[in-house]
C-alpha cells in the first residue's frame, strides 16, 4: 500500500519528536521501523537511544545495526548512555532521557535481548509503559 496523502496536522503535532531505545534486538529494530515510517509520513524527528553497561562493546553494535537499517532514509540523532547498573537501571535512564529531551512519544520493543522467548513483555518495557509521561508504543 502506497501512502499518497499529506501528513495531517493533528498526527504531525502528536509525534513531532520520537525516542526509540535500541539494544540490537529484533523487537527494537521493529520499533525503529515504525519510527522511520512515522518520520516519512508525518515529519517526525527520531532519536535512537542506546543504554549499555559502562565499557560494553554492545553500544557500538546496536547503533551500527540501527544505522544500517536507516540507510539514510531519514535524518536521525543518535544518543548513547553508559551506566553503572549499581546506580541506575536501563528503564530509569530511558525515562530520564524522555523527560530531559522533551519528546512527544517513545516507540520501543516489547522485550530486548532476553534469553527466554516465553517472556512477552520485558521489565524495561513494562516500567516505561507504566511511568512514561508521554505516549508509549510497544512493538512485538
N, C-alpha and C. Protein backbone atom coordinates (compact mmCIF):
# COMPACT_ATOMS: atom_id res chain seq x y z
N UNK A 1 0.83 -1.17 0.00
CA UNK A 1 0.00 0.00 0.00
C UNK A 1 0.88 1.24 0.00
N UNK A 2 0.62 2.14 -0.91
CA UNK A 2 1.39 3.37 -1.02
C UNK A 2 0.62 4.52 -0.38
N UNK A 3 1.31 5.27 0.43
CA UNK A 3 0.71 6.43 1.09
C UNK A 3 0.79 7.61 0.15
N UNK A 4 -0.36 8.24 -0.15
CA UNK A 4 -0.37 9.34 -1.11
C UNK A 4 -0.83 10.66 -0.53
N UNK A 5 -1.34 10.65 0.67
CA UNK A 5 -1.87 11.87 1.26
C UNK A 5 -0.80 12.71 1.94
N UNK A 6 -1.17 13.92 2.25
CA UNK A 6 -0.30 14.81 3.00
C UNK A 6 -0.42 14.48 4.49
N UNK A 7 0.63 14.67 5.24
CA UNK A 7 0.53 14.44 6.69
C UNK A 7 -0.53 15.35 7.29
N UNK A 8 -1.29 14.82 8.23
CA UNK A 8 -2.29 15.65 8.88
C UNK A 8 -1.61 16.45 9.98
N UNK A 9 -2.13 17.63 10.23
CA UNK A 9 -1.56 18.49 11.26
C UNK A 9 -1.66 17.81 12.62
N UNK A 10 -2.80 17.18 12.89
CA UNK A 10 -3.03 16.58 14.20
C UNK A 10 -2.01 15.49 14.51
N UNK A 11 -1.80 14.57 13.58
CA UNK A 11 -0.84 13.48 13.80
C UNK A 11 0.58 14.03 13.83
N UNK A 12 0.88 14.94 12.94
CA UNK A 12 2.22 15.53 12.91
C UNK A 12 2.56 16.19 14.24
N UNK A 13 1.59 16.83 14.84
CA UNK A 13 1.81 17.51 16.11
C UNK A 13 1.99 16.51 17.25
N UNK A 14 1.24 15.41 17.21
CA UNK A 14 1.30 14.41 18.29
C UNK A 14 2.63 13.68 18.35
N UNK A 15 3.30 13.56 17.21
CA UNK A 15 4.53 12.76 17.13
C UNK A 15 5.68 13.55 16.51
N UNK A 16 5.90 14.77 17.00
CA UNK A 16 6.98 15.59 16.46
C UNK A 16 8.36 15.01 16.77
N UNK A 17 8.54 14.59 18.02
CA UNK A 17 9.84 14.08 18.46
C UNK A 17 9.65 12.72 19.10
N UNK A 18 10.29 11.71 18.52
CA UNK A 18 10.12 10.32 18.96
C UNK A 18 11.46 9.76 19.44
N UNK A 19 11.42 9.14 20.61
CA UNK A 19 12.59 8.44 21.15
C UNK A 19 12.44 6.95 20.87
N UNK A 20 13.51 6.34 20.36
CA UNK A 20 13.50 4.90 20.07
C UNK A 20 14.71 4.27 20.76
N UNK A 21 14.48 3.61 21.91
CA UNK A 21 15.58 2.88 22.56
C UNK A 21 15.93 1.65 21.73
N UNK A 22 17.22 1.47 21.45
CA UNK A 22 17.66 0.35 20.62
C UNK A 22 18.75 -0.42 21.36
N UNK A 23 18.56 -1.75 21.43
CA UNK A 23 19.58 -2.60 22.04
C UNK A 23 20.10 -3.65 21.07
N UNK A 24 19.68 -3.55 19.81
CA UNK A 24 20.10 -4.51 18.79
C UNK A 24 19.17 -5.69 18.65
N UNK A 25 18.18 -5.82 19.53
CA UNK A 25 17.24 -6.95 19.47
C UNK A 25 16.29 -6.80 18.28
N UNK A 26 15.66 -7.90 17.93
CA UNK A 26 14.71 -7.90 16.81
C UNK A 26 13.55 -6.93 17.07
N UNK A 27 13.02 -6.93 18.30
CA UNK A 27 11.89 -6.04 18.58
C UNK A 27 12.29 -4.57 18.59
N UNK A 28 13.52 -4.26 18.99
CA UNK A 28 13.95 -2.86 18.94
C UNK A 28 14.12 -2.40 17.49
N UNK A 29 14.51 -3.32 16.61
CA UNK A 29 14.62 -2.98 15.19
C UNK A 29 13.23 -2.78 14.57
N UNK A 30 12.25 -3.56 15.03
CA UNK A 30 10.87 -3.37 14.56
C UNK A 30 10.35 -2.01 15.03
N UNK A 31 10.69 -1.63 16.25
CA UNK A 31 10.29 -0.32 16.77
C UNK A 31 10.92 0.79 15.92
N UNK A 32 12.17 0.60 15.54
CA UNK A 32 12.85 1.56 14.68
C UNK A 32 12.16 1.66 13.33
N UNK A 33 11.73 0.54 12.78
CA UNK A 33 10.99 0.53 11.51
C UNK A 33 9.74 1.41 11.60
N UNK A 34 9.01 1.27 12.69
CA UNK A 34 7.80 2.06 12.88
C UNK A 34 8.14 3.55 13.00
N UNK A 35 9.19 3.86 13.72
CA UNK A 35 9.62 5.26 13.87
C UNK A 35 10.03 5.85 12.51
N UNK A 36 10.70 5.05 11.68
CA UNK A 36 11.08 5.51 10.34
C UNK A 36 9.83 5.83 9.54
N UNK A 37 8.81 4.98 9.66
CA UNK A 37 7.55 5.22 8.95
C UNK A 37 6.89 6.51 9.44
N UNK A 38 6.88 6.74 10.74
CA UNK A 38 6.32 7.99 11.28
C UNK A 38 7.09 9.19 10.73
N UNK A 39 8.40 9.09 10.67
CA UNK A 39 9.22 10.19 10.16
C UNK A 39 8.90 10.48 8.69
N UNK A 40 8.74 9.44 7.90
CA UNK A 40 8.43 9.62 6.48
C UNK A 40 7.03 10.20 6.28
N UNK A 41 6.07 9.69 7.03
CA UNK A 41 4.67 10.11 6.85
C UNK A 41 4.34 11.44 7.50
N UNK A 42 4.90 11.68 8.69
CA UNK A 42 4.48 12.83 9.47
C UNK A 42 5.59 13.82 9.78
N UNK A 43 6.77 13.57 9.27
CA UNK A 43 7.87 14.50 9.51
C UNK A 43 8.44 14.45 10.92
N UNK A 44 8.22 13.35 11.62
CA UNK A 44 8.72 13.20 12.99
C UNK A 44 10.24 13.22 13.01
N UNK A 45 10.79 13.76 14.08
CA UNK A 45 12.23 13.73 14.33
C UNK A 45 12.50 12.54 15.23
N UNK A 46 13.40 11.67 14.82
CA UNK A 46 13.68 10.43 15.54
C UNK A 46 15.04 10.50 16.21
N UNK A 47 15.05 10.08 17.48
CA UNK A 47 16.29 9.95 18.23
C UNK A 47 16.45 8.48 18.61
N UNK A 48 17.54 7.88 18.19
CA UNK A 48 17.86 6.49 18.55
C UNK A 48 18.73 6.56 19.80
N UNK A 49 18.28 5.87 20.84
CA UNK A 49 18.93 5.96 22.14
C UNK A 49 19.38 4.57 22.60
N UNK A 50 20.64 4.46 22.96
CA UNK A 50 21.20 3.18 23.39
C UNK A 50 21.76 3.31 24.79
N UNK A 51 21.40 2.36 25.65
CA UNK A 51 21.89 2.32 27.03
C UNK A 51 22.61 0.99 27.24
N UNK A 52 23.84 1.06 27.72
CA UNK A 52 24.62 -0.16 27.97
C UNK A 52 25.47 0.00 29.23
N UNK A 53 25.92 -1.11 29.77
CA UNK A 53 26.82 -1.03 30.93
C UNK A 53 28.12 -0.32 30.54
N UNK A 54 28.65 0.40 31.47
CA UNK A 54 29.90 1.13 31.24
C UNK A 54 30.98 0.20 30.68
N UNK A 55 31.60 0.61 29.58
CA UNK A 55 32.68 -0.14 28.97
C UNK A 55 32.25 -1.27 28.04
N UNK A 56 30.96 -1.46 27.82
CA UNK A 56 30.50 -2.56 26.98
C UNK A 56 30.64 -2.24 25.49
N UNK A 57 30.88 -3.28 24.71
CA UNK A 57 31.02 -3.11 23.26
C UNK A 57 29.67 -3.13 22.56
N UNK A 58 28.62 -3.58 23.24
CA UNK A 58 27.31 -3.67 22.63
C UNK A 58 26.79 -2.31 22.17
N UNK A 59 27.29 -1.25 22.77
CA UNK A 59 26.85 0.09 22.43
C UNK A 59 27.06 0.36 20.94
N UNK A 60 28.26 0.15 20.47
CA UNK A 60 28.57 0.40 19.07
C UNK A 60 27.80 -0.56 18.16
N UNK A 61 27.67 -1.81 18.55
CA UNK A 61 26.97 -2.80 17.73
C UNK A 61 25.51 -2.43 17.52
N UNK A 62 24.81 -2.05 18.56
CA UNK A 62 23.39 -1.70 18.45
C UNK A 62 23.20 -0.47 17.58
N UNK A 63 24.03 0.54 17.76
CA UNK A 63 23.89 1.75 16.96
C UNK A 63 24.28 1.52 15.50
N UNK A 64 25.27 0.69 15.26
CA UNK A 64 25.65 0.36 13.89
C UNK A 64 24.53 -0.40 13.19
N UNK A 65 23.91 -1.32 13.89
CA UNK A 65 22.78 -2.07 13.33
C UNK A 65 21.64 -1.13 12.98
N UNK A 66 21.35 -0.17 13.84
CA UNK A 66 20.30 0.81 13.59
C UNK A 66 20.65 1.68 12.39
N UNK A 67 21.89 2.12 12.31
CA UNK A 67 22.33 2.97 11.19
C UNK A 67 22.22 2.23 9.86
N UNK A 68 22.58 0.94 9.87
CA UNK A 68 22.44 0.13 8.64
C UNK A 68 20.98 0.03 8.23
N UNK A 69 20.09 -0.10 9.18
CA UNK A 69 18.67 -0.22 8.88
C UNK A 69 18.10 1.09 8.33
N UNK A 70 18.56 2.21 8.85
CA UNK A 70 18.04 3.52 8.41
C UNK A 70 18.47 3.83 6.99
N UNK A 71 19.69 3.47 6.64
CA UNK A 71 20.24 3.63 5.28
C UNK A 71 20.04 5.03 4.72
N UNK A 72 20.08 6.04 5.54
CA UNK A 72 19.93 7.40 5.06
C UNK A 72 18.51 7.78 4.65
N UNK A 73 17.53 6.94 4.95
CA UNK A 73 16.14 7.23 4.57
C UNK A 73 15.60 8.46 5.28
N UNK A 74 16.02 8.67 6.52
CA UNK A 74 15.57 9.81 7.31
C UNK A 74 16.76 10.35 8.10
N UNK A 75 16.61 11.56 8.60
CA UNK A 75 17.64 12.11 9.49
C UNK A 75 17.36 11.62 10.90
N UNK A 76 18.40 11.15 11.56
CA UNK A 76 18.26 10.60 12.90
C UNK A 76 19.36 11.16 13.79
N UNK A 77 19.01 11.39 15.04
CA UNK A 77 20.00 11.76 16.04
C UNK A 77 20.30 10.50 16.84
N UNK A 78 21.57 10.18 16.99
CA UNK A 78 21.98 9.03 17.80
C UNK A 78 22.48 9.53 19.14
N UNK A 79 21.94 8.96 20.21
CA UNK A 79 22.41 9.28 21.56
C UNK A 79 22.77 7.98 22.25
N UNK A 80 23.74 8.06 23.14
CA UNK A 80 24.14 6.87 23.88
C UNK A 80 24.37 7.25 25.34
N UNK A 81 24.18 6.27 26.17
CA UNK A 81 24.41 6.49 27.60
C UNK A 81 24.99 5.22 28.19
N UNK A 82 26.15 5.36 28.79
CA UNK A 82 26.76 4.26 29.53
C UNK A 82 26.38 4.42 30.99
N UNK A 83 25.95 3.32 31.61
CA UNK A 83 25.52 3.42 33.00
C UNK A 83 26.20 2.36 33.86
N UNK A 84 26.21 2.63 35.13
CA UNK A 84 26.67 1.69 36.14
C UNK A 84 25.41 1.07 36.73
N UNK A 85 25.20 -0.23 36.52
CA UNK A 85 23.97 -0.89 36.95
C UNK A 85 23.75 -0.87 38.46
N UNK A 86 24.78 -0.54 39.23
CA UNK A 86 24.58 -0.44 40.68
C UNK A 86 23.96 0.91 41.06
N UNK A 87 23.95 1.86 40.11
CA UNK A 87 23.43 3.20 40.40
C UNK A 87 22.21 3.58 39.57
N UNK A 88 21.99 2.89 38.46
CA UNK A 88 20.86 3.24 37.58
C UNK A 88 20.41 2.00 36.81
N UNK A 89 19.17 2.03 36.36
CA UNK A 89 18.65 0.94 35.54
C UNK A 89 18.45 1.46 34.11
N UNK A 90 18.26 0.53 33.19
CA UNK A 90 18.01 0.91 31.80
C UNK A 90 16.72 1.73 31.73
N UNK A 91 15.67 1.25 32.39
CA UNK A 91 14.38 1.96 32.30
C UNK A 91 14.47 3.36 32.92
N UNK A 92 15.14 3.51 34.05
CA UNK A 92 15.24 4.84 34.66
C UNK A 92 16.06 5.78 33.78
N UNK A 93 17.06 5.25 33.10
CA UNK A 93 17.88 6.06 32.20
C UNK A 93 17.07 6.51 30.99
N UNK A 94 16.26 5.61 30.45
CA UNK A 94 15.40 5.96 29.31
C UNK A 94 14.36 6.99 29.75
N UNK A 95 13.76 6.81 30.91
CA UNK A 95 12.77 7.76 31.41
C UNK A 95 13.40 9.13 31.65
N UNK A 96 14.61 9.15 32.15
CA UNK A 96 15.33 10.41 32.34
C UNK A 96 15.53 11.13 31.00
N UNK A 97 15.92 10.38 29.98
CA UNK A 97 16.09 10.95 28.64
C UNK A 97 14.76 11.48 28.10
N UNK A 98 13.68 10.75 28.35
CA UNK A 98 12.35 11.21 27.92
C UNK A 98 12.02 12.58 28.50
N UNK A 99 12.29 12.74 29.78
CA UNK A 99 11.98 14.00 30.45
C UNK A 99 12.89 15.14 30.00
N UNK A 100 14.18 14.85 29.87
CA UNK A 100 15.13 15.89 29.50
C UNK A 100 15.06 16.27 28.03
N UNK A 101 14.66 15.31 27.18
CA UNK A 101 14.68 15.54 25.74
C UNK A 101 13.41 16.14 25.16
N UNK A 102 12.39 16.33 25.98
CA UNK A 102 11.14 16.94 25.51
C UNK A 102 10.54 16.17 24.32
N UNK A 103 10.41 14.86 24.48
CA UNK A 103 9.84 14.01 23.43
C UNK A 103 8.32 13.97 23.53
N UNK A 104 7.68 13.66 22.42
CA UNK A 104 6.22 13.53 22.37
C UNK A 104 5.80 12.07 22.50
N UNK A 105 6.69 11.15 22.16
CA UNK A 105 6.35 9.73 22.19
C UNK A 105 7.62 8.89 22.27
N UNK A 106 7.42 7.66 22.69
CA UNK A 106 8.51 6.68 22.69
C UNK A 106 7.98 5.42 22.00
N UNK A 107 8.78 4.87 21.12
CA UNK A 107 8.45 3.62 20.45
C UNK A 107 9.54 2.63 20.83
N UNK A 108 9.15 1.51 21.46
CA UNK A 108 10.16 0.55 21.90
C UNK A 108 9.68 -0.88 21.70
N UNK A 109 10.64 -1.78 21.68
CA UNK A 109 10.33 -3.20 21.56
C UNK A 109 9.76 -3.74 22.86
N UNK A 110 8.90 -4.76 22.74
CA UNK A 110 8.26 -5.35 23.91
C UNK A 110 9.27 -6.02 24.83
N UNK A 111 10.31 -6.56 24.25
CA UNK A 111 11.36 -7.17 25.07
C UNK A 111 12.67 -7.05 24.31
N UNK A 112 13.74 -6.98 25.05
CA UNK A 112 15.05 -6.83 24.43
C UNK A 112 15.71 -8.16 24.17
N UNK A 113 16.96 -8.24 24.53
CA UNK A 113 17.75 -9.45 24.27
C UNK A 113 17.60 -10.49 25.37
N UNK A 114 16.40 -10.63 25.90
CA UNK A 114 16.12 -11.62 26.93
C UNK A 114 16.28 -13.02 26.36
N UNK A 115 16.89 -13.90 27.12
CA UNK A 115 17.11 -15.26 26.64
C UNK A 115 15.83 -16.06 26.50
N UNK A 116 14.89 -15.87 27.40
CA UNK A 116 13.65 -16.62 27.37
C UNK A 116 12.68 -16.07 26.33
N UNK A 117 12.26 -16.91 25.41
CA UNK A 117 11.29 -16.50 24.39
C UNK A 117 9.87 -16.52 24.91
N UNK A 118 9.69 -17.03 26.14
CA UNK A 118 8.35 -17.10 26.72
C UNK A 118 7.91 -15.76 27.30
N UNK A 119 8.83 -14.86 27.53
CA UNK A 119 8.51 -13.55 28.09
C UNK A 119 7.95 -12.68 26.97
N UNK A 120 6.73 -12.19 27.16
CA UNK A 120 6.08 -11.37 26.13
C UNK A 120 6.34 -9.88 26.30
N UNK A 121 6.54 -9.45 27.55
CA UNK A 121 6.81 -8.05 27.82
C UNK A 121 7.92 -7.97 28.86
N UNK A 122 9.02 -7.38 28.45
CA UNK A 122 10.16 -7.30 29.35
C UNK A 122 9.97 -6.26 30.44
N UNK A 123 10.81 -6.33 31.44
CA UNK A 123 10.69 -5.43 32.60
C UNK A 123 10.95 -3.97 32.21
N UNK A 124 11.85 -3.73 31.28
CA UNK A 124 12.12 -2.36 30.85
C UNK A 124 10.91 -1.76 30.15
N UNK A 125 10.32 -2.50 29.22
CA UNK A 125 9.14 -2.01 28.50
C UNK A 125 7.97 -1.79 29.47
N UNK A 126 7.78 -2.71 30.40
CA UNK A 126 6.69 -2.58 31.37
C UNK A 126 6.88 -1.34 32.24
N UNK A 127 8.09 -1.13 32.71
CA UNK A 127 8.38 0.03 33.55
C UNK A 127 8.16 1.33 32.80
N UNK A 128 8.62 1.39 31.58
CA UNK A 128 8.45 2.60 30.78
C UNK A 128 6.97 2.85 30.48
N UNK A 129 6.24 1.80 30.13
CA UNK A 129 4.81 1.96 29.85
C UNK A 129 4.08 2.49 31.08
N UNK A 130 4.46 2.04 32.24
CA UNK A 130 3.80 2.45 33.48
C UNK A 130 4.17 3.88 33.89
N UNK A 131 5.43 4.26 33.71
CA UNK A 131 5.92 5.53 34.25
C UNK A 131 6.08 6.66 33.23
N UNK A 132 5.95 6.37 31.96
CA UNK A 132 6.22 7.38 30.94
C UNK A 132 5.25 8.55 30.98
N UNK A 133 5.78 9.77 30.84
CA UNK A 133 4.92 10.94 30.78
C UNK A 133 4.39 11.24 29.38
N UNK A 134 4.81 10.43 28.39
CA UNK A 134 4.40 10.63 27.00
C UNK A 134 3.78 9.36 26.44
N UNK A 135 3.25 9.46 25.23
CA UNK A 135 2.66 8.32 24.55
C UNK A 135 3.70 7.21 24.38
N UNK A 136 3.29 5.98 24.67
CA UNK A 136 4.18 4.81 24.55
C UNK A 136 3.58 3.86 23.51
N UNK A 137 4.40 3.49 22.55
CA UNK A 137 4.01 2.48 21.56
C UNK A 137 4.97 1.31 21.74
N UNK A 138 4.41 0.14 22.08
CA UNK A 138 5.22 -1.06 22.29
C UNK A 138 5.03 -1.99 21.10
N UNK A 139 6.14 -2.37 20.50
CA UNK A 139 6.12 -3.22 19.31
C UNK A 139 6.53 -4.63 19.68
N UNK A 140 5.78 -5.61 19.21
CA UNK A 140 6.11 -7.02 19.47
C UNK A 140 6.82 -7.62 18.28
